[in-house]
Protein backbone atom coordinates (compact mmCIF):
# COMPACT_ATOMS: atom_id res chain seq x y z
CA MET A 1 -40.63 235.13 32.69
CA SER A 2 -39.11 231.53 33.26
CA ALA A 3 -36.76 231.21 36.01
CA PRO A 4 -34.07 233.98 36.23
CA VAL A 5 -30.84 233.41 35.29
CA ILE A 6 -28.16 235.21 37.28
CA THR A 7 -24.87 234.98 37.02
CA PHE A 8 -21.94 236.41 39.32
CA PHE A 9 -19.39 238.37 37.78
CA ASN A 10 -16.24 239.73 38.00
CA ASN A 11 -13.05 240.12 35.90
CA LYS A 12 -11.15 240.00 38.61
CA GLY A 13 -10.31 236.57 40.13
CA GLY A 14 -9.97 235.29 43.67
CA VAL A 15 -12.36 237.83 45.20
CA GLY A 16 -14.37 234.65 46.81
CA LYS A 17 -17.18 234.79 43.81
CA THR A 18 -17.32 230.93 43.42
CA SER A 19 -18.13 230.87 47.34
CA LEU A 20 -20.26 233.27 47.40
CA VAL A 21 -22.78 231.61 44.70
CA TYR A 22 -21.97 228.50 46.37
CA HIS A 23 -23.87 230.07 49.81
CA ILE A 24 -26.41 231.82 47.98
CA ALA A 25 -27.50 228.77 46.27
CA TRP A 26 -27.89 227.31 49.61
CA MET A 27 -29.58 229.77 51.17
CA LEU A 28 -32.25 230.25 48.83
CA ALA A 29 -32.89 226.87 48.94
CA ASP A 30 -33.06 227.34 53.07
CA LEU A 31 -35.13 229.67 52.43
CA GLY A 32 -37.68 227.52 50.12
CA HIS A 33 -36.88 228.20 47.01
CA ARG A 34 -35.82 225.61 44.24
CA VAL A 35 -32.43 226.55 42.81
CA VAL A 36 -30.28 225.47 39.98
CA VAL A 37 -27.29 226.48 40.22
CA ALA A 38 -24.14 225.88 37.35
CA ASP A 39 -20.47 226.01 36.74
CA LEU A 40 -19.99 227.44 33.69
CA ASP A 41 -16.28 227.57 35.08
CA PRO A 42 -13.83 225.37 32.80
CA GLN A 43 -11.99 225.52 36.29
CA ALA A 44 -14.78 223.94 37.42
CA ASN A 45 -14.64 225.18 40.69
CA LEU A 46 -18.00 225.43 41.86
CA THR A 47 -18.42 221.51 41.60
CA THR A 48 -15.69 220.35 43.40
CA ALA A 49 -17.18 222.62 46.60
CA PHE A 50 -20.20 220.41 45.90
CA LEU A 51 -18.68 216.85 45.48
CA THR A 52 -15.43 214.73 46.45
CA GLU A 53 -12.76 213.86 44.07
CA GLU A 54 -14.49 210.43 44.26
CA GLU A 55 -17.98 212.00 42.75
CA ILE A 56 -16.36 214.21 40.06
CA GLU A 57 -14.38 211.74 38.85
CA ARG A 58 -17.29 209.41 38.59
CA LEU A 59 -19.09 212.29 37.13
CA TRP A 60 -16.45 213.11 34.36
CA SER A 61 -15.92 209.00 33.41
CA GLY A 62 -19.32 208.29 33.24
CA ALA A 63 -20.55 206.71 30.19
CA GLY A 64 -23.40 208.67 27.93
CA PRO A 65 -23.73 211.57 27.58
CA GLY A 66 -25.16 215.08 29.21
CA ARG A 67 -23.75 214.52 32.89
CA THR A 68 -22.24 218.09 32.92
CA VAL A 69 -22.41 221.58 30.97
CA TRP A 70 -20.04 220.45 28.54
CA GLY A 71 -21.69 216.78 28.19
CA THR A 72 -24.81 218.13 27.54
CA ILE A 73 -22.98 220.44 24.88
CA ARG A 74 -20.58 218.27 22.95
CA PRO A 75 -22.65 216.20 21.06
CA PHE A 76 -23.89 219.17 19.25
CA GLN A 77 -20.78 220.89 19.14
CA GLU A 78 -19.18 217.90 17.11
CA GLY A 79 -22.52 217.72 14.91
CA GLU A 80 -23.54 214.31 16.17
CA GLY A 81 -27.24 216.07 17.29
CA GLY A 82 -28.74 218.41 19.22
CA LEU A 83 -28.47 219.85 22.62
CA GLY A 84 -29.73 217.11 25.18
CA SER A 85 -31.36 217.54 27.78
CA SER A 86 -29.49 219.04 30.56
CA THR A 87 -28.25 216.07 33.66
CA LEU A 88 -28.89 217.65 37.27
CA THR A 89 -26.82 216.16 40.12
CA THR A 90 -28.17 216.19 43.53
CA THR A 91 -26.67 218.36 46.39
CA GLY A 92 -28.30 216.45 49.04
CA ASP A 93 -31.11 219.57 49.49
CA ASP A 94 -34.20 218.44 46.98
CA ARG A 95 -34.55 222.29 46.55
CA LEU A 96 -31.22 222.89 44.92
CA ALA A 97 -29.37 220.94 41.98
CA LEU A 98 -26.45 221.27 40.34
CA LEU A 99 -25.40 221.51 36.90
CA ALA A 100 -21.66 219.97 36.91
CA GLY A 101 -18.92 221.65 35.23
CA ASP A 102 -16.29 220.57 33.17
CA LEU A 103 -12.45 221.17 32.73
CA GLU A 104 -13.55 220.00 29.12
CA LEU A 105 -15.74 222.82 28.55
CA SER A 106 -12.64 224.94 27.74
CA ALA A 107 -12.73 223.47 23.88
CA PHE A 108 -15.64 225.74 23.71
CA GLU A 109 -13.79 228.83 23.50
CA ASP A 110 -13.11 228.56 19.90
CA ASP A 111 -16.68 227.66 18.18
CA LEU A 112 -17.89 230.79 20.50
CA SER A 113 -15.61 233.00 19.23
CA ALA A 114 -16.00 231.91 15.57
CA SER A 115 -19.67 232.27 15.94
CA TRP A 116 -19.95 235.49 17.37
CA PRO A 117 -19.34 237.14 13.93
CA LYS A 118 -20.97 235.14 11.80
CA CYS A 119 -24.00 235.59 13.60
CA LEU A 120 -23.98 238.91 11.79
CA ASP A 121 -24.62 236.97 8.44
CA GLY A 122 -27.40 235.72 9.75
CA ASP A 123 -25.71 232.04 9.92
CA PRO A 124 -28.06 229.89 12.44
CA ARG A 125 -26.20 227.53 13.32
CA ALA A 126 -24.14 230.75 15.28
CA PHE A 127 -26.73 231.68 16.82
CA ARG A 128 -27.55 228.08 17.96
CA ILE A 129 -24.00 227.71 19.16
CA ILE A 130 -23.98 231.06 21.16
CA SER A 131 -27.42 230.61 22.77
CA ALA A 132 -26.12 226.67 23.63
CA PHE A 133 -25.65 227.70 27.25
CA TRP A 134 -29.06 229.81 27.70
CA SER A 135 -30.84 226.15 25.71
CA VAL A 136 -28.59 223.58 28.48
CA LEU A 137 -29.74 226.63 31.38
CA GLN A 138 -33.79 226.30 30.74
CA SER A 139 -33.85 222.92 30.18
CA ALA A 140 -32.25 222.20 33.36
CA ALA A 141 -34.69 224.85 34.87
CA SER A 142 -37.57 223.50 33.82
CA GLN A 143 -36.26 219.98 34.56
CA HIS A 144 -36.14 221.11 38.41
CA ALA A 145 -39.09 223.08 38.68
CA ALA A 146 -36.58 225.86 39.50
CA GLU A 147 -37.71 229.60 40.52
CA TYR A 148 -33.85 231.10 40.48
CA VAL A 149 -30.75 229.62 38.43
CA LEU A 150 -26.94 230.82 39.40
CA VAL A 151 -24.26 230.81 37.65
CA ASP A 152 -21.15 230.67 38.43
CA VAL A 153 -18.42 232.02 36.03
CA GLY A 154 -14.43 232.44 35.13
CA PRO A 155 -12.64 235.72 35.44
CA SER A 156 -12.28 236.18 32.01
CA LEU A 157 -13.45 238.91 29.27
CA GLY A 158 -13.85 235.58 26.73
CA ALA A 159 -16.35 234.20 24.44
CA ILE A 160 -17.30 231.40 27.06
CA ASN A 161 -17.88 233.83 29.76
CA ARG A 162 -19.70 236.60 26.86
CA ALA A 163 -22.15 233.51 25.97
CA ALA A 164 -22.99 232.82 29.31
CA LEU A 165 -23.72 236.42 29.56
CA VAL A 166 -25.91 236.88 26.68
CA ALA A 167 -27.46 233.72 28.47
CA SER A 168 -27.97 235.71 32.06
CA ASP A 169 -30.93 238.04 33.22
CA PHE A 170 -29.12 239.66 35.48
CA VAL A 171 -25.47 240.07 36.87
CA VAL A 172 -24.33 239.93 40.94
CA ILE A 173 -20.94 241.88 41.07
CA PRO A 174 -18.44 240.35 43.80
CA VAL A 175 -15.58 242.82 44.46
CA ALA A 176 -13.11 242.94 47.20
CA PRO A 177 -11.62 245.80 48.68
CA ASP A 178 -8.31 246.47 46.62
CA LEU A 179 -6.99 248.34 44.08
CA PHE A 180 -6.80 245.21 41.47
CA SER A 181 -11.08 244.39 41.88
CA MET A 182 -11.81 247.72 41.61
CA GLN A 183 -9.93 247.87 38.41
CA GLY A 184 -11.75 244.62 37.71
CA LEU A 185 -15.08 246.72 38.12
CA ARG A 186 -13.74 249.10 35.67
CA ASN A 187 -13.29 246.55 32.75
CA LEU A 188 -16.46 244.88 33.29
CA GLY A 189 -18.82 247.89 32.89
CA PRO A 190 -17.75 248.11 29.24
CA ALA A 191 -17.64 244.38 28.28
CA LEU A 192 -21.09 244.17 29.85
CA GLN A 193 -22.26 246.99 27.46
CA LYS A 194 -20.71 246.00 24.67
CA TRP A 195 -21.84 242.15 24.81
CA ARG A 196 -25.83 243.52 25.60
CA THR A 197 -25.49 245.57 22.44
CA GLY A 198 -23.83 243.35 19.95
CA TRP A 199 -26.24 240.35 20.81
CA ARG A 200 -29.43 243.12 20.42
CA GLN A 201 -27.26 243.64 16.84
CA ARG A 202 -27.39 240.01 16.31
CA LEU A 203 -31.34 239.47 17.52
CA ALA A 204 -32.29 242.14 14.89
CA ILE A 205 -31.16 240.27 12.13
CA ASP A 206 -34.08 238.09 10.71
CA LEU A 207 -33.64 234.71 10.88
CA PRO A 208 -34.81 231.75 8.37
CA GLY A 209 -37.19 229.12 10.63
CA ARG A 210 -38.00 229.74 14.45
CA ILE A 211 -34.96 229.76 16.56
CA ALA A 212 -35.50 230.19 20.60
CA LEU A 213 -33.32 232.89 21.85
CA PRO A 214 -31.96 234.87 24.99
CA GLN A 215 -32.69 238.26 25.49
CA GLY A 216 -29.12 239.03 26.57
CA ARG A 217 -30.49 241.33 29.08
CA MET A 218 -27.42 241.08 31.60
CA ASP A 219 -29.14 244.10 34.24
CA ALA A 220 -26.50 244.46 37.08
CA LEU A 221 -28.56 244.20 39.80
CA GLY A 222 -26.00 245.17 42.21
CA TYR A 223 -22.36 243.84 44.27
CA VAL A 224 -21.03 242.22 47.31
CA VAL A 225 -18.07 243.47 48.66
CA LEU A 226 -16.16 240.43 49.93
CA GLN A 227 -12.85 239.37 52.11
CA HIS A 228 -12.78 242.57 54.17
CA GLY A 229 -11.40 242.37 57.64
CA VAL A 230 -13.82 243.80 60.68
CA ARG A 231 -12.69 244.97 63.66
CA LEU A 232 -15.41 246.25 66.15
CA ASN A 233 -17.69 245.56 63.65
CA ARG A 234 -16.56 248.19 60.63
CA PRO A 235 -14.03 247.27 58.10
CA VAL A 236 -10.59 247.86 59.15
CA LYS A 237 -8.70 251.34 58.04
CA ALA A 238 -7.10 249.42 55.27
CA TYR A 239 -10.18 248.67 53.10
CA GLN A 240 -11.64 251.99 53.97
CA ARG A 241 -10.12 254.18 51.17
CA TRP A 242 -11.36 250.95 48.73
CA ILE A 243 -14.61 250.50 50.20
CA GLN A 244 -15.67 254.08 50.07
CA GLN A 245 -14.53 254.27 46.21
CA ILE A 246 -17.05 251.55 45.52
CA PRO A 247 -20.37 252.94 44.86
CA ASP A 248 -18.95 255.58 42.57
CA VAL A 249 -17.27 253.45 40.11
CA PHE A 250 -20.04 251.05 39.73
CA ARG A 251 -21.91 253.80 38.91
CA THR A 252 -19.93 255.22 36.47
CA SER A 253 -18.00 251.91 34.76
CA VAL A 254 -21.32 249.45 35.18
CA LEU A 255 -23.96 251.96 34.66
CA GLY A 256 -23.00 254.52 32.94
CA SER A 257 -24.02 257.07 35.57
CA GLN A 258 -23.61 260.55 33.83
CA ASP A 259 -24.26 261.69 36.59
CA HIS A 260 -21.45 263.97 38.42
CA SER A 261 -22.97 264.03 41.97
CA PRO A 262 -21.49 262.14 44.82
CA ALA A 263 -22.52 258.50 44.86
CA PRO A 264 -24.01 257.71 48.59
CA ALA A 265 -21.89 256.15 50.91
CA ILE A 266 -22.33 252.08 50.69
CA ASP A 267 -23.87 251.66 53.76
CA ALA A 268 -26.67 253.52 51.82
CA ASP A 269 -26.14 252.62 48.82
CA PRO A 270 -29.10 250.34 46.99
CA PHE A 271 -26.84 248.52 44.63
CA CYS A 272 -25.02 246.89 47.28
CA LEU A 273 -26.43 243.64 48.17
CA GLY A 274 -24.16 242.61 51.10
CA GLN A 275 -21.01 243.31 52.63
CA LEU A 276 -19.41 239.90 53.92
CA LYS A 277 -16.44 239.99 56.25
CA HIS A 278 -14.03 237.72 55.97
CA TYR A 279 -14.96 234.12 57.70
CA ARG A 280 -11.20 233.38 58.44
CA SER A 281 -11.30 229.47 60.35
CA LEU A 282 -14.46 228.97 59.44
CA VAL A 283 -13.68 228.56 56.13
CA PRO A 284 -11.75 225.48 56.20
CA LEU A 285 -14.41 224.17 58.46
CA ALA A 286 -16.70 224.21 56.22
CA GLN A 287 -14.68 222.88 53.06
CA GLU A 288 -13.64 219.69 54.92
CA ALA A 289 -17.36 219.59 55.83
CA ARG A 290 -18.03 220.16 52.82
CA LYS A 291 -21.36 222.57 53.35
CA PRO A 292 -21.90 226.39 53.89
CA ILE A 293 -20.92 227.82 56.84
CA PHE A 294 -24.05 228.59 58.44
CA PHE A 295 -24.32 225.15 58.84
CA LEU A 296 -21.66 224.35 60.41
CA SER A 297 -22.39 222.55 63.83
CA HIS A 298 -20.74 221.07 66.92
CA ALA A 299 -20.28 217.88 64.80
CA ASP A 300 -17.54 219.43 62.31
CA GLY A 301 -15.92 221.09 64.99
CA ALA A 302 -17.44 224.52 65.30
CA TYR A 303 -17.67 225.44 69.10
CA GLY A 304 -18.06 228.53 70.98
CA GLY A 305 -17.02 231.53 68.84
CA HIS A 306 -17.14 229.34 65.83
CA LEU A 307 -20.45 228.20 66.36
CA GLN A 308 -21.87 231.99 66.90
CA ALA A 309 -19.90 233.24 64.10
CA ALA A 310 -21.63 230.44 61.77
CA ARG A 311 -24.88 231.40 62.94
CA ASP A 312 -24.32 235.41 62.65
CA ALA A 313 -23.34 234.16 58.92
CA HIS A 314 -26.66 232.78 58.26
CA GLY A 315 -28.49 236.23 58.94
CA ASP A 316 -25.90 237.82 56.90
CA PHE A 317 -26.30 235.58 53.77
CA ALA A 318 -30.34 235.30 54.78
CA VAL A 319 -30.38 239.22 54.47
CA MET A 320 -28.35 238.95 51.02
CA ALA A 321 -30.29 236.26 49.53
CA GLU A 322 -33.86 238.53 50.14
CA ARG A 323 -32.22 241.48 48.69
CA ILE A 324 -31.19 239.81 45.70
CA MET A 325 -34.80 238.65 45.14
CA GLU A 326 -36.36 241.90 45.99
CA ARG A 327 -33.55 243.65 43.32
CA ILE A 328 -34.87 240.75 40.76
CA SER A 329 -39.00 241.61 41.71
CA GLU A 330 -37.82 245.35 41.01
CA ALA A 331 -36.39 244.65 37.94
CA VAL A 332 -39.24 242.24 36.39
CA GLU A 333 -42.40 244.21 37.47
CA PRO A 334 -41.96 247.00 35.60
CA ARG A 335 -41.73 244.46 32.51
CA SER A 336 -44.33 242.09 33.25
CA THR A 337 -47.45 244.90 33.45
């Protein structure tokens, strides 16, 4: 198996998804792994977490193709050639490389939408369009000798995200403990099932010639609970009501479980990859320093309680990253025997 592609996705925006991808990518690199982190959100929020405005301006206005994910795909989409090699952006850590996002990626939405039904007619170009993200991610992983590819996407259930999920082996679902995030979780499961089934139907079509295509597994590794308030190391009461519902909603909506027995408590749920409290004042410090919360130091203005909280965050994210890697290994090993 090539480097696994893990997409972080929830139908509800504002749950802290992009920040989670950013921190997990840095943590995997800090643990010694080679990582490509890709921004497939047309809002390009992940790219702004890594780069200054001046760096992004140079990236988007630079001459030559391939400097962003859209720059790699655009010549193919416009019929001026095939997909080029991905151009990766450095991050300051040799183990972590960024495949930068682009606001113009939204121009790809109509083509992706029109190509999905055309695949059923056996149209080879339609298959190449739907699998374009996968081809770009595989190119990036190969160039960087990556062990993991992490992908950030927007919250929509549109054609761009469908193609991004078709390119994905695994899905991690960030969820906030509130009504809207829970509804997003309920929407997500049927969408994933529909896309997975639809892609398998298309893979069964006998195409002329050989086209490398993704398997479109989109296996749900689990969920991460984000941004809840904590008092005495426990979520405050306002969030408990929603947190208690997450294990059951994940099973019924995302896994499609028909088991009506009670789901385990969240602390004992194997699908809970982690619970991250809201880091509050550490967030603006980290954004200003343009580094993960767990790398904040005295030089960034982190003293006393802030510095201790940053160190605690390092432990929280390390445990979560290890858990994600374990879940991937558990999912892959039965297939390789």
